[in-house]
Amino acid sequence: MIYENDIPKYYLSFSDDLKTAYGIGNWIMIDLEKNGQKLRDVIVTLGKSLDKEWDIFSSNVGKQIDGSWKSEKIELTLLTDKEIEKIKTHYNNV
């Protein structure tokens, strides 16, 4: 799960075939290997490169949140080929 501004926004899953999902899994795995296997660092840096506050941990863990017993709607963002290429190009140029 990738949190944006402490709200769950993206679900990242790696299948056995990292070439699926437009190669984004393979691209992240290569970056992890180059940078010492630190997924949190990769996600935080990628978020910053896009002017986003991303993390793989929520700061709300263990906190009582008003209304948390209510059902909620989570809106996920579908990344297209064009958006993924834009993210990869921007991230690699930072």
N, C-alpha and C. Protein backbone atom coordinates (compact mmCIF):
# COMPACT_ATOMS: atom_id res chain seq x y z
N MET A 1 0.85 -1.17 0.00
CA MET A 1 0.00 0.00 0.00
C MET A 1 0.90 1.23 0.00
N ILE A 2 0.58 2.18 -0.85
CA ILE A 2 1.28 3.46 -0.86
C ILE A 2 0.30 4.50 -0.34
N TYR A 3 0.73 5.21 0.69
CA TYR A 3 -0.09 6.25 1.29
C TYR A 3 0.33 7.59 0.71
N GLU A 4 -0.66 8.41 0.36
CA GLU A 4 -0.40 9.78 -0.09
C GLU A 4 -1.04 10.71 0.92
N ASN A 5 -0.21 11.54 1.54
CA ASN A 5 -0.68 12.42 2.62
C ASN A 5 -1.40 11.61 3.70
N ASP A 6 -0.83 10.44 4.00
CA ASP A 6 -1.32 9.54 5.05
C ASP A 6 -2.66 8.88 4.74
N ILE A 7 -3.07 8.90 3.47
CA ILE A 7 -4.31 8.26 3.04
C ILE A 7 -3.94 7.14 2.07
N PRO A 8 -4.47 5.91 2.27
CA PRO A 8 -4.14 4.84 1.33
C PRO A 8 -4.62 5.19 -0.07
N LYS A 9 -3.69 5.22 -1.02
CA LYS A 9 -4.03 5.70 -2.36
C LYS A 9 -3.71 4.68 -3.45
N TYR A 10 -2.60 3.96 -3.32
CA TYR A 10 -2.17 3.04 -4.37
C TYR A 10 -1.86 1.68 -3.77
N TYR A 11 -2.21 0.64 -4.48
CA TYR A 11 -1.88 -0.71 -4.07
C TYR A 11 -0.86 -1.24 -5.06
N LEU A 12 0.29 -1.63 -4.55
CA LEU A 12 1.38 -2.10 -5.38
C LEU A 12 1.58 -3.58 -5.11
N SER A 13 1.47 -4.39 -6.14
CA SER A 13 1.62 -5.83 -6.00
C SER A 13 2.58 -6.33 -7.07
N PHE A 14 3.49 -7.17 -6.68
CA PHE A 14 4.44 -7.73 -7.63
C PHE A 14 4.05 -9.17 -7.93
N SER A 15 3.76 -9.44 -9.18
CA SER A 15 3.44 -10.81 -9.58
C SER A 15 4.74 -11.54 -9.93
N ASP A 16 4.60 -12.81 -10.24
CA ASP A 16 5.78 -13.59 -10.65
C ASP A 16 6.38 -13.03 -11.93
N ASP A 17 5.54 -12.46 -12.76
CA ASP A 17 5.99 -11.90 -14.02
C ASP A 17 6.10 -10.38 -13.86
N LEU A 18 7.28 -9.89 -13.57
CA LEU A 18 7.47 -8.47 -13.30
C LEU A 18 7.32 -7.61 -14.54
N LYS A 19 7.16 -8.24 -15.70
CA LYS A 19 6.98 -7.46 -16.92
C LYS A 19 5.52 -7.05 -17.10
N THR A 20 4.63 -7.58 -16.28
CA THR A 20 3.23 -7.19 -16.37
C THR A 20 3.09 -5.78 -15.81
N ALA A 21 1.95 -5.22 -15.96
CA ALA A 21 1.65 -3.84 -15.50
C ALA A 21 2.63 -2.86 -16.12
N TYR A 22 2.86 -3.00 -17.42
CA TYR A 22 3.67 -2.07 -18.20
C TYR A 22 5.12 -2.00 -17.73
N GLY A 23 5.60 -3.06 -17.07
CA GLY A 23 7.00 -3.11 -16.66
C GLY A 23 7.32 -2.32 -15.41
N ILE A 24 6.33 -1.75 -14.75
CA ILE A 24 6.63 -0.92 -13.58
C ILE A 24 7.22 -1.75 -12.44
N GLY A 25 6.77 -3.01 -12.29
CA GLY A 25 7.33 -3.87 -11.25
C GLY A 25 8.80 -4.15 -11.48
N ASN A 26 9.15 -4.46 -12.72
CA ASN A 26 10.54 -4.71 -13.07
C ASN A 26 11.38 -3.46 -12.87
N TRP A 27 10.85 -2.31 -13.24
CA TRP A 27 11.57 -1.05 -13.09
C TRP A 27 11.85 -0.76 -11.61
N ILE A 28 10.85 -0.98 -10.74
CA ILE A 28 11.05 -0.74 -9.30
C ILE A 28 12.05 -1.75 -8.73
N MET A 29 11.96 -3.01 -9.14
CA MET A 29 12.89 -4.02 -8.63
C MET A 29 14.34 -3.70 -9.03
N ILE A 30 14.55 -3.22 -10.24
CA ILE A 30 15.90 -2.84 -10.67
C ILE A 30 16.40 -1.68 -9.82
N ASP A 31 15.53 -0.71 -9.55
CA ASP A 31 15.91 0.44 -8.72
C ASP A 31 16.21 -0.02 -7.29
N LEU A 32 15.46 -0.97 -6.78
CA LEU A 32 15.72 -1.50 -5.43
C LEU A 32 17.10 -2.16 -5.36
N GLU A 33 17.43 -2.92 -6.38
CA GLU A 33 18.74 -3.58 -6.41
C GLU A 33 19.87 -2.56 -6.44
N LYS A 34 19.69 -1.47 -7.19
CA LYS A 34 20.72 -0.43 -7.27
C LYS A 34 20.87 0.32 -5.96
N ASN A 35 19.78 0.46 -5.20
CA ASN A 35 19.80 1.30 -4.01
C ASN A 35 19.71 0.53 -2.70
N GLY A 36 20.13 -0.71 -2.69
CA GLY A 36 20.24 -1.44 -1.45
C GLY A 36 18.96 -1.99 -0.87
N GLN A 37 17.98 -2.33 -1.70
CA GLN A 37 16.77 -3.01 -1.25
C GLN A 37 15.92 -2.21 -0.26
N LYS A 38 15.82 -0.91 -0.40
CA LYS A 38 15.06 -0.08 0.52
C LYS A 38 13.80 0.44 -0.18
N LEU A 39 12.72 -0.36 -0.13
CA LEU A 39 11.48 -0.02 -0.82
C LEU A 39 10.92 1.31 -0.33
N ARG A 40 10.95 1.54 0.98
CA ARG A 40 10.41 2.79 1.51
C ARG A 40 11.13 3.99 0.91
N ASP A 41 12.46 3.92 0.82
CA ASP A 41 13.23 5.02 0.24
C ASP A 41 12.86 5.27 -1.21
N VAL A 42 12.68 4.19 -1.98
CA VAL A 42 12.31 4.32 -3.39
C VAL A 42 10.94 5.00 -3.51
N ILE A 43 9.97 4.56 -2.71
CA ILE A 43 8.61 5.11 -2.79
C ILE A 43 8.58 6.56 -2.33
N VAL A 44 9.27 6.88 -1.23
CA VAL A 44 9.30 8.26 -0.73
C VAL A 44 9.97 9.18 -1.76
N THR A 45 11.10 8.74 -2.33
CA THR A 45 11.82 9.54 -3.33
C THR A 45 10.99 9.71 -4.59
N LEU A 46 10.34 8.64 -5.04
CA LEU A 46 9.48 8.73 -6.22
C LEU A 46 8.36 9.71 -5.97
N GLY A 47 7.73 9.65 -4.81
CA GLY A 47 6.68 10.59 -4.46
C GLY A 47 7.17 12.02 -4.47
N LYS A 48 8.32 12.26 -3.87
CA LYS A 48 8.88 13.62 -3.83
C LYS A 48 9.17 14.14 -5.23
N SER A 49 9.63 13.24 -6.10
CA SER A 49 9.93 13.67 -7.48
C SER A 49 8.67 14.11 -8.22
N LEU A 50 7.51 13.66 -7.71
CA LEU A 50 6.23 14.03 -8.32
C LEU A 50 5.49 15.06 -7.47
N ASP A 51 6.21 15.68 -6.50
CA ASP A 51 5.62 16.64 -5.56
C ASP A 51 4.47 16.02 -4.78
N LYS A 52 4.66 14.78 -4.36
CA LYS A 52 3.66 14.06 -3.56
C LYS A 52 4.30 13.61 -2.26
N GLU A 53 3.49 13.50 -1.22
CA GLU A 53 3.94 12.97 0.06
C GLU A 53 3.55 11.50 0.12
N TRP A 54 4.46 10.62 -0.32
CA TRP A 54 4.20 9.20 -0.35
C TRP A 54 5.00 8.48 0.72
N ASP A 55 4.44 7.39 1.21
CA ASP A 55 5.13 6.52 2.16
C ASP A 55 4.45 5.16 2.10
N ILE A 56 5.13 4.14 2.60
CA ILE A 56 4.51 2.82 2.66
C ILE A 56 4.00 2.52 4.06
N PHE A 57 4.18 3.46 4.97
CA PHE A 57 3.68 3.33 6.33
C PHE A 57 2.78 4.51 6.65
N SER A 58 1.71 4.26 7.37
CA SER A 58 0.82 5.32 7.81
C SER A 58 1.25 5.80 9.19
N SER A 59 1.15 7.09 9.43
CA SER A 59 1.48 7.60 10.76
C SER A 59 0.29 7.42 11.71
N ASN A 60 -0.82 6.90 11.20
CA ASN A 60 -2.02 6.71 12.01
C ASN A 60 -2.09 5.34 12.68
N VAL A 61 -1.03 4.52 12.54
CA VAL A 61 -1.04 3.19 13.13
C VAL A 61 -1.16 3.30 14.64
N GLY A 62 -2.14 2.62 15.21
CA GLY A 62 -2.33 2.61 16.65
C GLY A 62 -3.09 3.80 17.19
N LYS A 63 -3.53 4.70 16.32
CA LYS A 63 -4.28 5.87 16.77
C LYS A 63 -5.77 5.62 16.63
N GLN A 64 -6.54 6.17 17.56
CA GLN A 64 -8.00 6.12 17.46
C GLN A 64 -8.43 7.18 16.46
N ILE A 65 -9.15 6.77 15.44
CA ILE A 65 -9.59 7.70 14.40
C ILE A 65 -11.11 7.79 14.45
N ASP A 66 -11.62 9.00 14.64
CA ASP A 66 -13.06 9.20 14.70
C ASP A 66 -13.75 8.65 13.45
N GLY A 67 -14.80 7.89 13.66
CA GLY A 67 -15.58 7.37 12.54
C GLY A 67 -14.91 6.21 11.81
N SER A 68 -13.84 5.66 12.38
CA SER A 68 -13.10 4.61 11.66
C SER A 68 -13.90 3.32 11.55
N TRP A 69 -14.96 3.18 12.32
CA TRP A 69 -15.80 2.00 12.24
C TRP A 69 -16.73 2.05 11.04
N LYS A 70 -16.88 3.24 10.44
CA LYS A 70 -17.76 3.38 9.29
C LYS A 70 -17.07 2.85 8.03
N SER A 71 -17.86 2.36 7.11
CA SER A 71 -17.27 1.93 5.84
C SER A 71 -16.78 3.17 5.10
N GLU A 72 -15.77 2.99 4.30
CA GLU A 72 -15.22 4.12 3.56
C GLU A 72 -14.95 3.72 2.12
N LYS A 73 -14.89 4.72 1.29
CA LYS A 73 -14.63 4.52 -0.13
C LYS A 73 -13.17 4.87 -0.39
N ILE A 74 -12.46 3.96 -1.01
CA ILE A 74 -11.07 4.21 -1.40
C ILE A 74 -11.04 4.29 -2.92
N GLU A 75 -10.53 5.38 -3.43
CA GLU A 75 -10.46 5.58 -4.86
C GLU A 75 -9.04 5.29 -5.33
N LEU A 76 -8.89 4.30 -6.18
CA LEU A 76 -7.58 3.94 -6.70
C LEU A 76 -7.37 4.60 -8.06
N THR A 77 -6.13 4.86 -8.38
CA THR A 77 -5.78 5.50 -9.63
C THR A 77 -5.18 4.45 -10.57
N LEU A 78 -5.74 4.32 -11.75
CA LEU A 78 -5.24 3.41 -12.76
C LEU A 78 -4.18 4.13 -13.58
N LEU A 79 -2.99 3.58 -13.60
CA LEU A 79 -1.90 4.21 -14.35
C LEU A 79 -1.88 3.66 -15.77
N THR A 80 -1.88 4.55 -16.75
CA THR A 80 -1.81 4.15 -18.15
C THR A 80 -0.35 4.07 -18.58
N ASP A 81 -0.12 3.50 -19.76
CA ASP A 81 1.25 3.42 -20.30
C ASP A 81 1.90 4.79 -20.31
N LYS A 82 1.17 5.79 -20.78
CA LYS A 82 1.69 7.14 -20.91
C LYS A 82 2.07 7.72 -19.54
N GLU A 83 1.22 7.51 -18.52
CA GLU A 83 1.51 8.03 -17.18
C GLU A 83 2.72 7.33 -16.57
N ILE A 84 2.83 6.01 -16.77
CA ILE A 84 3.97 5.27 -16.23
C ILE A 84 5.26 5.73 -16.87
N GLU A 85 5.27 5.93 -18.18
CA GLU A 85 6.48 6.42 -18.85
C GLU A 85 6.85 7.80 -18.35
N LYS A 86 5.86 8.66 -18.12
CA LYS A 86 6.10 9.99 -17.60
C LYS A 86 6.73 9.92 -16.20
N ILE A 87 6.20 9.05 -15.34
CA ILE A 87 6.74 8.88 -13.99
C ILE A 87 8.17 8.36 -14.05
N LYS A 88 8.41 7.32 -14.87
CA LYS A 88 9.74 6.74 -14.96
C LYS A 88 10.75 7.76 -15.48
N THR A 89 10.36 8.52 -16.51
CA THR A 89 11.26 9.53 -17.08
C THR A 89 11.57 10.61 -16.06
N HIS A 90 10.55 11.09 -15.38
CA HIS A 90 10.75 12.14 -14.37
C HIS A 90 11.63 11.64 -13.23
N TYR A 91 11.35 10.45 -12.73
CA TYR A 91 12.11 9.88 -11.60
C TYR A 91 13.57 9.66 -11.97
N ASN A 92 13.82 9.17 -13.17
CA ASN A 92 15.20 8.89 -13.60
C ASN A 92 16.00 10.16 -13.88
N ASN A 93 15.32 11.29 -14.02
CA ASN A 93 16.01 12.56 -14.28
C ASN A 93 16.19 13.41 -13.03
N VAL A 94 15.75 12.90 -11.87
CA VAL A 94 15.87 13.68 -10.62
C VAL A 94 17.24 13.48 -10.04
